[in-house]
C-alpha atoms as a PDB file:
ATOM      1  CA  MET A   1      49.367 -49.766  56.183  1.00  0.00           C
ATOM      2  CA  VAL A   2      48.915 -52.243  59.327  1.00  0.00           C
ATOM      3  CA  PHE A   3      46.966 -54.852  57.115  1.00  0.00           C
ATOM      4  CA  LEU A   4      50.381 -54.499  54.702  1.00  0.00           C
ATOM      5  CA  CYS A   5      52.663 -54.521  57.209  1.00  0.00           C
ATOM      6  CA  ASN A   6      51.264 -57.716  58.934  1.00  0.00           C
ATOM      7  CA  ILE A   7      51.415 -59.478  55.340  1.00  0.00           C
ATOM      8  CA  ILE A   8      54.584 -58.515  55.120  1.00  0.00           C
ATOM      9  CA  THR A   9      55.961 -59.742  58.346  1.00  0.00           C
ATOM     10  CA  THR A  10      54.746 -63.400  58.127  1.00  0.00           C
ATOM     11  CA  LYS A  11      56.151 -66.126  57.507  1.00  0.00           C
ATOM     12  CA  PRO A  12      56.038 -68.129  54.257  1.00  0.00           C
ATOM     13  CA  PRO A  13      54.510 -71.270  53.631  1.00  0.00           C
ATOM     14  CA  PHE A  14      56.527 -74.097  54.685  1.00  0.00           C
ATOM     15  CA  TYR A  15      59.336 -72.033  56.315  1.00  0.00           C
ATOM     16  CA  SER A  16      59.896 -74.637  59.549  1.00  0.00           C
ATOM     17  CA  TYR A  17      60.487 -77.363  56.809  1.00  0.00           C
ATOM     18  CA  GLN A  18      62.637 -76.141  53.785  1.00  0.00           C
ATOM     19  CA  LYS A  19      64.693 -73.649  53.439  1.00  0.00           C
ATOM     20  CA  LEU A  20      63.822 -71.521  50.424  1.00  0.00           C
ATOM     21  CA  SER A  21      66.287 -68.770  48.689  1.00  0.00           C
ATOM     22  CA  PHE A  22      66.071 -65.279  48.678  1.00  0.00           C
ATOM     23  CA  THR A  23      65.263 -64.646  45.657  1.00  0.00           C
ATOM     24  CA  ASN A  24      61.885 -66.750  45.976  1.00  0.00           C
ATOM     25  CA  VAL A  25      61.437 -65.117  49.632  1.00  0.00           C
ATOM     26  CA  THR A  26      61.587 -61.281  47.945  1.00  0.00           C
ATOM     27  CA  MET A  27      59.287 -62.404  44.637  1.00  0.00           C
ATOM     28  CA  TRP A  28      56.794 -64.137  47.134  1.00  0.00           C
ATOM     29  CA  LYS A  29      56.805 -60.768  49.495  1.00  0.00           C
ATOM     30  CA  ARG A  30      56.420 -58.564  46.289  1.00  0.00           C
ATOM     31  CA  LYS A  31      53.055 -60.458  45.106  1.00  0.00           C
ATOM     32  CA  VAL A  32      51.643 -60.151  48.591  1.00  0.00           C
ATOM     33  CA  VAL A  33      52.961 -56.337  48.355  1.00  0.00           C
ATOM     34  CA  ASN A  34      50.995 -56.026  45.498  1.00  0.00           C
ATOM     35  CA  ALA A  35      48.060 -58.074  46.390  1.00  0.00           C
ATOM     36  CA  ALA A  36      47.763 -55.478  49.202  1.00  0.00           C
ATOM     37  CA  HIS A  37      48.422 -52.357  46.974  1.00  0.00           C
ATOM     38  CA  VAL A  38      45.735 -54.202  44.823  1.00  0.00           C
ATOM     39  CA  SER A  39      43.011 -54.458  47.876  1.00  0.00           C
ATOM     40  CA  PHE A  40      43.373 -50.845  49.014  1.00  0.00           C
ATOM     41  CA  PHE A  41      42.866 -49.390  46.299  1.00  0.00           C
ATOM     42  CA  GLN A  42      39.757 -51.118  45.464  1.00  0.00           C
ATOM     43  CA  GLU A  43      38.875 -50.317  48.540  1.00  0.00           C
ATOM     44  CA  LEU A  44      40.060 -46.592  47.904  1.00  0.00           C
ATOM     45  CA  LYS A  45      38.094 -47.113  45.471  1.00  0.00           C
ATOM     46  CA  VAL A  46      34.482 -47.610  47.276  1.00  0.00           C
ATOM     47  CA  LYS A  47      35.430 -44.978  49.455  1.00  0.00           C
ATOM     48  CA  ASP A  48      36.078 -41.984  46.300  1.00  0.00           C
ATOM     49  CA  GLU A  49      32.901 -43.364  44.743  1.00  0.00           C
ATOM     50  CA  GLU A  50      30.974 -42.690  48.256  1.00  0.00           C
ATOM     51  CA  CYS A  51      31.944 -39.980  48.256  1.00  0.00           C
ATOM     52  CA  GLU A  52      31.403 -38.988  44.538  1.00  0.00           C
ATOM     53  CA  ARG A  53      28.134 -40.211  45.430  1.00  0.00           C
ATOM     54  CA  LEU A  54      27.863 -37.616  48.671  1.00  0.00           C
ATOM     55  CA  SER A  55      28.564 -34.777  46.981  1.00  0.00           C
ATOM     56  CA  ARG A  56      26.448 -35.143  43.917  1.00  0.00           C
ATOM     57  CA  VAL A  57      23.645 -35.490  46.800  1.00  0.00           C
ATOM     58  CA  ARG A  58      24.740 -32.661  48.756  1.00  0.00           C
ATOM     59  CA  ILE A  59      24.878 -30.382  45.862  1.00  0.00           C
ATOM     60  CA  GLN A  60      20.994 -31.569  45.098  1.00  0.00           C
ATOM     61  CA  LEU A  61      20.379 -30.687  48.719  1.00  0.00           C
ATOM     62  CA  GLU A  62      22.025 -27.348  48.208  1.00  0.00           C
ATOM     63  CA  GLN A  63      20.210 -26.711  44.624  1.00  0.00           C
ATOM     64  CA  GLU A  64      16.866 -27.403  46.033  1.00  0.00           C
ATOM     65  CA  LEU A  65      17.288 -25.026  49.521  1.00  0.00           C
ATOM     66  CA  GLU A  66      18.399 -22.195  46.974  1.00  0.00           C
ATOM     67  CA  GLU A  67      14.911 -22.723  44.772  1.00  0.00           C
ATOM     68  CA  LEU A  68      13.086 -22.998  47.833  1.00  0.00           C
ATOM     69  CA  THR A  69      14.686 -20.253  49.451  1.00  0.00           C
ATOM     70  CA  ALA A  70      14.199 -18.174  46.212  1.00  0.00           C
ATOM     71  CA  SER A  71      10.449 -19.305  46.192  1.00  0.00           C
ATOM     72  CA  LEU A  72       9.304 -18.156  49.308  1.00  0.00           C
ATOM     73  CA  PHE A  73      11.374 -15.187  48.600  1.00  0.00           C
ATOM     74  CA  GLU A  74       9.501 -14.444  45.656  1.00  0.00           C
ATOM     75  CA  GLU A  75       6.038 -15.371  47.658  1.00  0.00           C
ATOM     76  CA  ALA A  76       6.587 -13.650  50.794  1.00  0.00           C
ATOM     77  CA  HIS A  77       7.211  -9.712  48.086  1.00  0.00           C
ATOM     78  CA  LYS A  78       4.187 -11.246  46.053  1.00  0.00           C
ATOM     79  CA  MET A  79       2.000 -10.989  49.381  1.00  0.00           C
ATOM     80  CA  VAL A  80       3.943  -7.482  50.011  1.00  0.00           C
ATOM     81  CA  ARG A  81       2.333  -5.697  47.204  1.00  0.00           C
ATOM     82  CA  GLU A  82      -0.301  -7.355  47.118  1.00  0.00           C
ATOM     83  CA  ALA A  83      -1.045  -6.056  50.649  1.00  0.00           C
ATOM     84  CA  ASN A  84       0.631  -2.810  49.194  1.00  0.00           C
ATOM     85  CA  VAL A  85      -1.934  -1.797  47.001  1.00  0.00           C
ATOM     86  CA  LYS A  86      -4.599  -3.721  48.898  1.00  0.00           C
ATOM     87  CA  GLN A  87      -3.968  -1.065  51.302  1.00  0.00           C
ATOM     88  CA  ALA A  88      -3.525   1.713  49.035  1.00  0.00           C
ATOM     89  CA  GLY A  89      -7.160   0.934  47.467  1.00  0.00           C
ATOM     90  CA  ALA A  90      -8.874   1.268  51.449  1.00  0.00           C
ATOM     91  CA  GLU A  91      -6.847   4.623  51.495  1.00  0.00           C
ATOM     92  CA  LYS A  92      -8.343   5.583  48.692  1.00  0.00           C
ATOM     93  CA  GLN A  93     -11.500   4.354  49.316  1.00  0.00           C
ATOM     94  CA  LEU A  94     -11.310   5.983  53.171  1.00  0.00           C
ATOM     95  CA  LYS A  95     -10.435   9.086  51.206  1.00  0.00           C
ATOM     96  CA  GLU A  96     -13.327   9.302  49.460  1.00  0.00           C
ATOM     97  CA  ALA A  97     -15.613   7.969  52.246  1.00  0.00           C
ATOM     98  CA  GLN A  98     -14.618  10.919  54.471  1.00  0.00           C
ATOM     99  CA  GLY A  99     -15.667  13.655  51.540  1.00  0.00           C
ATOM    100  CA  LYS A 100     -19.179  12.101  50.710  1.00  0.00           C
ATOM    101  CA  ILE A 101     -19.923  12.793  54.366  1.00  0.00           C
ATOM    102  CA  ASP A 102     -18.371  16.220  54.671  1.00  0.00           C
ATOM    103  CA  VAL A 103     -20.341  17.386  51.474  1.00  0.00           C
ATOM    104  CA  LEU A 104     -23.276  15.053  53.151  1.00  0.00           C
ATOM    105  CA  GLN A 105     -22.911  16.677  56.511  1.00  0.00           C
ATOM    106  CA  ALA A 106     -22.636  19.941  54.532  1.00  0.00           C
ATOM    107  CA  GLU A 107     -25.844  19.514  53.003  1.00  0.00           C
ATOM    108  CA  VAL A 108     -27.597  18.514  55.896  1.00  0.00           C
ATOM    109  CA  THR A 109     -26.155  21.613  58.094  1.00  0.00           C
ATOM    110  CA  ALA A 110     -27.262  23.669  54.930  1.00  0.00           C
ATOM    111  CA  LEU A 111     -31.132  21.898  55.176  1.00  0.00           C
ATOM    112  CA  LYS A 112     -30.895  22.752  58.737  1.00  0.00           C
ATOM    113  CA  THR A 113     -30.284  26.450  58.559  1.00  0.00           C
ATOM    114  CA  LEU A 114     -32.835  26.590  55.563  1.00  0.00           C
ATOM    115  CA  VAL A 115     -34.889  25.103  57.430  1.00  0.00           C
ATOM    116  CA  LEU A 116     -34.591  27.009  60.718  1.00  0.00           C
ATOM    117  CA  THR A 117     -35.397  30.516  59.473  1.00  0.00           C
ATOM    118  CA  SER A 118     -38.564  29.378  57.307  1.00  0.00           C
ATOM    119  CA  THR A 119     -41.634  30.704  59.159  1.00  0.00           C
ATOM    120  CA  PRO A 120     -45.089  30.707  57.900  1.00  0.00           C
ATOM    121  CA  SER A 121     -45.352  34.704  57.692  1.00  0.00           C
ATOM    122  CA  SER A 122     -41.721  34.405  56.243  1.00  0.00           C
ATOM    123  CA  PRO A 123     -40.660  31.271  54.761  1.00  0.00           C
ATOM    124  CA  ASN A 124     -37.444  30.543  53.788  1.00  0.00           C
ATOM    125  CA  ARG A 125     -37.109  31.234  49.958  1.00  0.00           C
ATOM    126  CA  GLN A 126     -35.047  28.784  49.222  1.00  0.00           C
ATOM    127  CA  LEU A 127     -36.414  25.779  51.309  1.00  0.00           C
ATOM    128  CA  HIS A 128     -40.154  26.849  49.203  1.00  0.00           C
ATOM    129  CA  PRO A 129     -39.197  28.160  45.733  1.00  0.00           C
ATOM    130  CA  GLN A 130     -43.056  28.009  44.937  1.00  0.00           C
ATOM    131  CA  LEU A 131     -42.493  32.038  46.624  1.00  0.00           C
ATOM    132  CA  GLN A 132     -39.244  32.773  43.891  1.00  0.00           C
ATOM    133  CA  SER A 133     -39.824  33.771  40.421  1.00  0.00           C
ATOM    134  CA  THR A 134     -41.703  31.992  38.182  1.00  0.00           C
ATOM    135  CA  ARG A 135     -38.112  32.040  36.010  1.00  0.00           C
ATOM    136  CA  GLY A 136     -35.862  30.115  39.134  1.00  0.00           C
ATOM    137  CA  ALA A 137     -37.830  26.809  37.637  1.00  0.00           C
ATOM    138  CA  HIS A 138     -35.465  23.505  37.873  1.00  0.00           C
ATOM    139  CA  LYS A 139     -34.613  21.707  34.212  1.00  0.00           C
ATOM    140  CA  HIS A 140     -34.834  18.458  36.272  1.00  0.00           C
ATOM    141  CA  VAL A 141     -37.414  17.606  39.499  1.00  0.00           C
ATOM    142  CA  ARG A 142     -36.590  14.347  41.356  1.00  0.00           C
ATOM    143  CA  GLY A 143     -38.533  13.115  44.269  1.00  0.00           C
ATOM    144  CA  HIS A 144     -40.755  15.504  46.856  1.00  0.00           C
ATOM    145  CA  THR A 145     -37.690  17.691  48.272  1.00  0.00           C
ATOM    146  CA  ARG A 146     -36.792  19.209  44.004  1.00  0.00           C
ATOM    147  CA  ASN A 147     -40.364  19.272  42.912  1.00  0.00           C
ATOM    148  CA  LYS A 148     -41.445  22.382  44.897  1.00  0.00           C
ATOM    149  CA  SER A 149     -39.358  24.420  42.628  1.00  0.00           C
ATOM    150  CA  VAL A 150     -41.445  24.905  39.654  1.00  0.00           C
ATOM    151  CA  SER A 151     -42.683  27.691  37.678  1.00  0.00           C
ATOM    152  CA  ASP A 152     -46.169  26.222  38.050  1.00  0.00           C
ATOM    153  CA  SER A 153     -46.790  26.771  41.553  1.00  0.00           C
ATOM    154  CA  PHE A 154     -49.250  28.947  43.115  1.00  0.00           C
ATOM    155  CA  PRO A 155     -49.364  32.128  45.090  1.00  0.00           C
ATOM    156  CA  THR A 156     -49.144  31.691  49.483  1.00  0.00           C
ATOM    157  CA  SER A 157     -51.670  34.113  49.915  1.00  0.00           C
ATOM    158  CA  THR A 158     -55.384  33.816  49.070  1.00  0.00           C
ATOM    159  CA  PRO A 159     -56.466  35.197  45.612  1.00  0.00           C
ATOM    160  CA  GLN A 160     -57.050  38.981  44.808  1.00  0.00           C
ATOM    161  CA  PRO A 161     -60.719  39.701  43.974  1.00  0.00           C
ATOM    162  CA  PRO A 162     -61.550  41.535  41.235  1.00  0.00           C
ATOM    163  CA  SER A 163     -61.544  45.229  41.484  1.00  0.00           C
ATOM    164  CA  VAL A 164     -63.940  47.316  42.997  1.00  0.00           C
ATOM    165  CA  PRO A 165     -63.708  50.919  44.414  1.00  0.00           C
ATOM    166  CA  ALA A 166     -61.881  52.595  46.743  1.00  0.00           C
ATOM    167  CA  GLN A 167     -62.611  50.475  50.164  1.00  0.00           C
ATOM    168  CA  PRO A 168     -60.673  50.957  53.275  1.00  0.00           C
ATOM    169  CA  THR A 169     -57.514  49.132  53.874  1.00  0.00           C
ATOM    170  CA  THR A 170     -57.933  45.554  55.243  1.00  0.00           C
ATOM    171  CA  ARG A 171     -55.688  43.183  56.272  1.00  0.00           C
ATOM    172  CA  GLN A 172     -55.832  39.685  56.620  1.00  0.00           C
ATOM    173  CA  ASP A 173     -56.792  37.505  60.013  1.00  0.00           C
ATOM    174  CA  ARG A 174     -56.499  34.194  61.369  1.00  0.00           C
ATOM    175  CA  GLU A 175     -57.856  32.095  64.192  1.00  0.00           C
ATOM    176  CA  THR A 176     -56.561  28.633  64.573  1.00  0.00           C
ATOM    177  CA  ASP A 177     -58.912  25.819  64.742  1.00  0.00           C
ATOM    178  CA  SER A 178     -59.163  23.771  68.287  1.00  0.00           C
ATOM    179  CA  VAL A 179     -60.156  20.537  66.749  1.00  0.00           C
ATOM    180  CA  LEU A 180     -57.711  20.884  63.847  1.00  0.00           C
ATOM    181  CA  PHE A 181     -54.792  21.842  66.533  1.00  0.00           C
ATOM    182  CA  ALA A 182     -55.933  19.442  68.458  1.00  0.00           C
ATOM    183  CA  GLU A 183     -55.034  16.815  66.102  1.00  0.00           C
ATOM    184  CA  PHE A 184     -52.303  18.383  64.862  1.00  0.00           C
ATOM    185  CA  LEU A 185     -51.193  18.501  68.479  1.00  0.00           C
ATOM    186  CA  MET A 186     -51.675  14.620  68.906  1.00  0.00           C
ATOM    187  CA  TRP A 187     -49.626  13.701  65.737  1.00  0.00           C
ATOM    188  CA  ARG A 188     -47.005  15.750  66.713  1.00  0.00           C
ATOM    189  CA  GLU A 189     -46.549  13.654  69.833  1.00  0.00           C
ATOM    190  CA  HIS A 190     -45.314  10.277  67.275  1.00  0.00           C
ATOM    191  CA  PRO A 191     -44.990  11.990  64.093  1.00  0.00           C
ATOM    192  CA  SER A 192     -45.181   9.860  60.992  1.00  0.00           C
ATOM    193  CA  LEU A 193     -47.100   9.118  57.871  1.00  0.00           C
ATOM    194  CA  ASP A 194     -49.575   6.630  58.579  1.00  0.00           C
ATOM    195  CA  ARG A 195     -52.707   7.955  57.622  1.00  0.00           C
ATOM    196  CA  SER A 196     -54.738   6.049  60.625  1.00  0.00           C
ATOM    197  CA  SER A 197     -54.125   9.282  62.387  1.00  0.00           C
ATOM    198  CA  ALA A 198     -57.054  12.057  62.787  1.00  0.00           C
ATOM    199  CA  PHE A 199     -54.325  14.675  61.464  1.00  0.00           C
ATOM    200  CA  LEU A 200     -53.450  12.667  58.264  1.00  0.00           C
ATOM    201  CA  SER A 201     -57.029  10.850  57.867  1.00  0.00           C
ATOM    202  CA  ARG A 202     -58.439  14.812  57.864  1.00  0.00           C
ATOM    203  CA  ILE A 203     -56.185  16.083  55.786  1.00  0.00           C
ATOM    204  CA  TYR A 204     -56.162  13.040  53.132  1.00  0.00           C
ATOM    205  CA  ARG A 205     -59.535  13.596  52.994  1.00  0.00           C
ATOM    206  CA  GLU A 206     -59.690  16.856  52.705  1.00  0.00           C
ATOM    207  CA  ASP A 207     -56.821  18.272  50.575  1.00  0.00           C
ATOM    208  CA  ILE A 208     -54.467  15.178  49.379  1.00  0.00           C
ATOM    209  CA  GLY A 209     -57.893  12.515  47.870  1.00  0.00           C
ATOM    210  CA  PRO A 210     -59.169  15.647  45.802  1.00  0.00           C
ATOM    211  CA  CYS A 211     -55.657  17.201  44.983  1.00  0.00           C
ATOM    212  CA  LEU A 212     -55.081  13.894  43.574  1.00  0.00           C
ATOM    213  CA  SER A 213     -58.079  12.841  41.657  1.00  0.00           C
ATOM    214  CA  PHE A 214     -57.803  13.098  37.907  1.00  0.00           C
ATOM    215  CA  THR A 215     -59.833  11.842  35.165  1.00  0.00           C
ATOM    216  CA  ARG A 216     -57.470   8.798  34.894  1.00  0.00           C
ATOM    217  CA  CYS A 217     -58.358   7.537  38.033  1.00  0.00           C
ATOM    218  CA  GLU A 218     -55.614   4.135  37.590  1.00  0.00           C
ATOM    219  CA  LEU A 219     -52.527   6.384  36.926  1.00  0.00           C
ATOM    220  CA  SER A 220     -54.257   8.921  39.776  1.00  0.00           C
ATOM    221  CA  LYS A 221     -53.346   6.112  42.622  1.00  0.00           C
ATOM    222  CA  MET A 222     -50.203   5.528  41.020  1.00  0.00           C
ATOM    223  CA  VAL A 223     -49.233   9.574  41.454  1.00  0.00           C
ATOM    224  CA  GLN A 224     -50.583   9.323  44.834  1.00  0.00           C
ATOM    225  CA  SER A 225     -48.217   6.387  45.663  1.00  0.00           C
ATOM    226  CA  ALA A 226     -45.202   7.377  44.051  1.00  0.00           C
ATOM    227  CA  VAL A 227     -45.688  10.698  45.767  1.00  0.00           C
ATOM    228  CA  GLU A 228     -45.898   8.809  49.101  1.00  0.00           C
ATOM    229  CA  ASN A 229     -43.066   7.197  48.371  1.00  0.00           C
ATOM    230  CA  ASN A 230     -41.311  10.289  47.586  1.00  0.00           C
ATOM    231  CA  SER A 231     -40.368   8.039  43.727  1.00  0.00           C
ATOM    232  CA  LEU A 232     -42.111  10.799  41.339  1.00  0.00           C
ATOM    233  CA  THR A 233     -39.682  12.416  39.255  1.00  0.00           C
ATOM    234  CA  MET A 234     -40.966  15.500  37.530  1.00  0.00           C
ATOM    235  CA  GLU A 235     -38.484  16.869  34.705  1.00  0.00           C
ATOM    236  CA  PRO A 236     -39.347  19.602  32.159  1.00  0.00           C
ATOM    237  CA  VAL A 237     -40.146  18.931  28.063  1.00  0.00           C
ATOM    238  CA  ALA A 238     -38.297  21.224  25.331  1.00  0.00           C
ATOM    239  CA  MET A 239     -41.350  22.305  23.136  1.00  0.00           C
ATOM    240  CA  SER A 240     -39.592  23.677  20.402  1.00  0.00           C
ATOM    241  CA  ALA A 241     -37.867  20.296  20.051  1.00  0.00           C
ATOM    242  CA  VAL A 242     -39.647  17.329  18.740  1.00  0.00           C
ATOM    243  CA  PRO A 243     -40.204  14.472  22.044  1.00  0.00           C
ATOM    244  CA  VAL A 244     -37.227  11.501  21.787  1.00  0.00           C
ATOM    245  CA  VAL A 245     -38.548   8.116  22.383  1.00  0.00           C
ATOM    246  CA  LYS A 246     -35.891   6.252  24.151  1.00  0.00           C
ATOM    247  CA  ALA A 247     -35.637   2.698  23.739  1.00  0.00           C
ATOM    248  CA  SER A 248     -36.192   1.427  27.113  1.00  0.00           C
ATOM    249  CA  ALA A 249     -39.134   4.392  27.740  1.00  0.00           C
ATOM    250  CA  VAL A 250     -43.037   3.979  26.940  1.00  0.00           C
ATOM    251  CA  GLU A 251     -43.781   8.243  26.887  1.00  0.00           C
ATOM    252  CA  CYS A 252     -47.969   8.036  27.614  1.00  0.00           C
ATOM    253  CA  ALA A 253     -50.050  10.799  26.068  1.00  0.00           C
ATOM    254  CA  GLY A 254     -48.382  13.427  24.046  1.00  0.00           C
ATOM    255  CA  PRO A 255     -47.109  17.723  24.492  1.00  0.00           C
ATOM    256  CA  LYS A 256     -50.611  18.024  23.866  1.00  0.00           C
ATOM    257  CA  LYS A 257     -52.835  16.231  26.136  1.00  0.00           C
ATOM    258  CA  CYS A 258     -51.968  15.298  30.320  1.00  0.00           C
ATOM    259  CA  ALA A 259     -52.386  12.389  30.685  1.00  0.00           C
ATOM    260  CA  LEU A 260     -54.131  13.100  33.511  1.00  0.00           C
ATOM    261  CA  SER A 261     -56.878  14.753  32.753  1.00  0.00           C
ATOM    262  CA  GLY A 262     -57.090  13.929  29.296  1.00  0.00           C
ATOM    263  CA  VAL A 263     -57.483  17.450  28.446  1.00  0.00           C
ATOM    264  CA  SER A 264     -55.922  18.681  25.508  1.00  0.00           C
ATOM    265  CA  ARG A 265     -53.382  21.441  26.672  1.00  0.00           C
ATOM    266  CA  PRO A 266     -49.294  22.835  26.672  1.00  0.00           C
ATOM    267  CA  CYS A 267     -47.601  19.620  28.414  1.00  0.00           C
ATOM    268  CA  ARG A 268     -44.539  21.474  28.950  1.00  0.00           C
ATOM    269  CA  HIS A 269     -43.693  18.687  32.192  1.00  0.00           C
ATOM    270  CA  ARG A 270     -43.270  14.751  32.173  1.00  0.00           C
ATOM    271  CA  ILE A 271     -43.554  12.695  35.019  1.00  0.00           C
ATOM    272  CA  LYS A 272     -42.340   9.280  36.222  1.00  0.00           C
ATOM    273  CA  LEU A 273     -43.729   6.842  38.801  1.00  0.00           C
ATOM    274  CA  GLY A 274     -40.742   5.268  40.617  1.00  0.00           C
ATOM    275  CA  ASP A 275     -38.625   2.890  38.708  1.00  0.00           C
ATOM    276  CA  LYS A 276     -40.933   2.306  35.942  1.00  0.00           C
ATOM    277  CA  GLU A 277     -40.105   3.142  32.163  1.00  0.00           C
ATOM    278  CA  ASN A 278     -43.532   4.949  31.394  1.00  0.00           C
ATOM    279  CA  TYR A 279     -43.220   8.608  31.148  1.00  0.00           C
ATOM    280  CA  TYR A 280     -46.466  10.546  31.306  1.00  0.00           C
ATOM    281  CA  TYR A 281     -47.086  14.044  30.066  1.00  0.00           C
ATOM    282  CA  ILE A 282     -48.813  16.940  32.347  1.00  0.00           C
ATOM    283  CA  SER A 283     -50.645  19.530  31.922  1.00  0.00           C
ATOM    284  CA  PRO A 284     -49.322  23.005  34.013  1.00  0.00           C
ATOM    285  CA  SER A 285     -52.599  22.459  36.215  1.00  0.00           C
ATOM    286  CA  SER A 286     -52.179  18.691  36.634  1.00  0.00           C
ATOM    287  CA  ARG A 287     -48.020  19.616  37.768  1.00  0.00           C
ATOM    288  CA  ALA A 288     -48.968  22.391  40.324  1.00  0.00           C
ATOM    289  CA  ARG A 289     -51.772  20.214  42.012  1.00  0.00           C
ATOM    290  CA  ILE A 290     -48.838  17.143  42.093  1.00  0.00           C
ATOM    291  CA  THR A 291     -45.892  19.838  43.030  1.00  0.00           C
ATOM    292  CA  THR A 292     -48.636  20.610  45.792  1.00  0.00           C
ATOM    293  CA  VAL A 293     -49.015  17.647  47.404  1.00  0.00           C
ATOM    294  CA  CYS A 294     -45.353  17.195  47.213  1.00  0.00           C
ATOM    295  CA  ASN A 295     -44.444  20.530  49.113  1.00  0.00           C
ATOM    296  CA  PHE A 296     -47.093  19.012  51.999  1.00  0.00           C
ATOM    297  CA  PHE A 297     -45.492  15.784  52.532  1.00  0.00           C
ATOM    298  CA  THR A 298     -42.142  16.826  52.224  1.00  0.00           C
ATOM    299  CA  TYR A 299     -42.745  19.451  55.361  1.00  0.00           C
ATOM    300  CA  ILE A 300     -44.163  16.636  57.556  1.00  0.00           C
ATOM    301  CA  ARG A 301     -41.101  14.951  56.402  1.00  0.00           C
ATOM    302  CA  TYR A 302     -38.876  17.031  57.976  1.00  0.00           C
ATOM    303  CA  ILE A 303     -40.868  17.674  61.509  1.00  0.00           C
ATOM    304  CA  GLN A 304     -40.729  13.618  61.483  1.00  0.00           C
ATOM    305  CA  GLN A 305     -37.242  13.732  61.584  1.00  0.00           C
ATOM    306  CA  GLY A 306     -37.174  16.633  63.818  1.00  0.00           C
ATOM    307  CA  LEU A 307     -35.829  19.403  61.417  1.00  0.00           C
ATOM    308  CA  VAL A 308     -37.999  21.856  62.133  1.00  0.00           C
ATOM    309  CA  ARG A 309     -37.332  23.967  65.343  1.00  0.00           C
ATOM    310  CA  HIS A 310     -40.033  26.077  65.776  1.00  0.00           C
ATOM    311  CA  ASP A 311     -43.079  25.696  67.941  1.00  0.00           C
ATOM    312  CA  ALA A 312     -46.086  24.001  67.501  1.00  0.00           C
ATOM    313  CA  GLU A 313     -47.769  27.037  66.792  1.00  0.00           C
ATOM    314  CA  GLN A 314     -45.589  28.015  64.163  1.00  0.00           C
ATOM    315  CA  MET A 315     -45.275  24.809  62.244  1.00  0.00           C
ATOM    316  CA  PHE A 316     -49.429  24.004  62.950  1.00  0.00           C
ATOM    317  CA  TRP A 317     -49.460  27.200  60.600  1.00  0.00           C
ATOM    318  CA  GLU A 318     -47.260  26.072  57.817  1.00  0.00           C
ATOM    319  CA  VAL A 319     -49.394  22.766  57.605  1.00  0.00           C
ATOM    320  CA  MET A 320     -52.532  25.238  56.579  1.00  0.00           C
ATOM    321  CA  ARG A 321     -50.740  27.201  54.243  1.00  0.00           C
ATOM    322  CA  LEU A 322     -50.005  23.979  52.392  1.00  0.00           C
ATOM    323  CA  ARG A 323     -52.883  22.671  52.732  1.00  0.00           C
ATOM    324  CA  SER A 324     -54.544  26.298  51.740  1.00  0.00           C
ATOM    325  CA  GLU A 325     -51.846  25.523  48.647  1.00  0.00           C
ATOM    326  CA  MET A 326     -53.514  22.273  48.058  1.00  0.00           C
ATOM    327  CA  SER A 327     -57.172  23.536  48.011  1.00  0.00           C
ATOM    328  CA  LEU A 328     -56.274  26.394  45.550  1.00  0.00           C
ATOM    329  CA  ALA A 329     -54.494  24.269  42.782  1.00  0.00           C
ATOM    330  CA  LYS A 330     -57.432  21.289  42.951  1.00  0.00           C
ATOM    331  CA  LEU A 331     -59.847  24.494  41.863  1.00  0.00           C
ATOM    332  CA  GLY A 332     -57.379  25.752  39.672  1.00  0.00           C
ATOM    333  CA  PHE A 333     -55.460  28.116  40.363  1.00  0.00           C
ATOM    334  CA  TYR A 334     -51.234  28.089  39.764  1.00  0.00           C
ATOM    335  CA  LEU A 335     -48.772  30.461  38.168  1.00  0.00           C
ATOM    336  CA  THR A 336     -47.760  30.707  35.019  1.00  0.00           C
ATOM    337  CA  GLU A 337     -43.891  31.963  33.354  1.00  0.00           C
ATOM    338  CA  GLN A 338     -44.862  35.094  31.372  1.00  0.00           C
ATOM    339  CA  GLY A 339     -42.740  36.452  28.240  1.00  0.00           C
END
């Protein structure tokens, strides 16, 4: 408006040289005003266009900001959901692990109770199932600790002689061998399964070796290695059913021939060595020999792990009893199921 006022108050050209009529002056002023209006509206148009452009920029920025905000919220919700899912999974795994720990602790407690309540004179029948009725044999045996539940293991006492005329009542006495006891005490100070010790070296030489010495020498060595590694599996075979050969397994010998001794006998059990796929049928006598060795290894492992709380003499006589079972099994004595 200041610019317009300046134009209106400006004197017309040649004002000082000639005198213009009123009409001419009016027309000249109108032209000046019109020119000012045109210039003003052009500037206004430029300003409007600039405002419109800035408005579009603002709208675009607002849209981008909204999209970015929505994306951030969506990503945050996604992260929260994933965190909740992971937390729920972790809590579930924790509960399962705690449940397994409780079960294992209960099993360890029960095992310690069985070991602590077993003595050489009156062994716990749950810890030594070979003392139970032969009808209570397991249907599937895995490793040393389960091989003890067998139907054809042997008696815990020496065989009774044939019937003789009535004689005075006798009892079985025992006397500790000082050499054997000294070897056991030395081994007990640092119990291990290393056969280089005098204690285990003697038992390997006098009991384990002969007990696991079968006609098939190579297979006998494999069986002894599996027993030592606690990786031998033993399971019963249904005699009334035809053996089924699995696609991933090869069964050696057959239900009427022992794979270890080669003797033709009804084989009610078969063994598997470690992770190998072969199954071997074994006779009752071979099974009893393997079982007694497994029983021995199980007990000395208990001692090694500190699960046996008896004094040295009680543990020594339990070892001697297990050695006597291996000797009887080697000689062919074993229990068999009746009826």
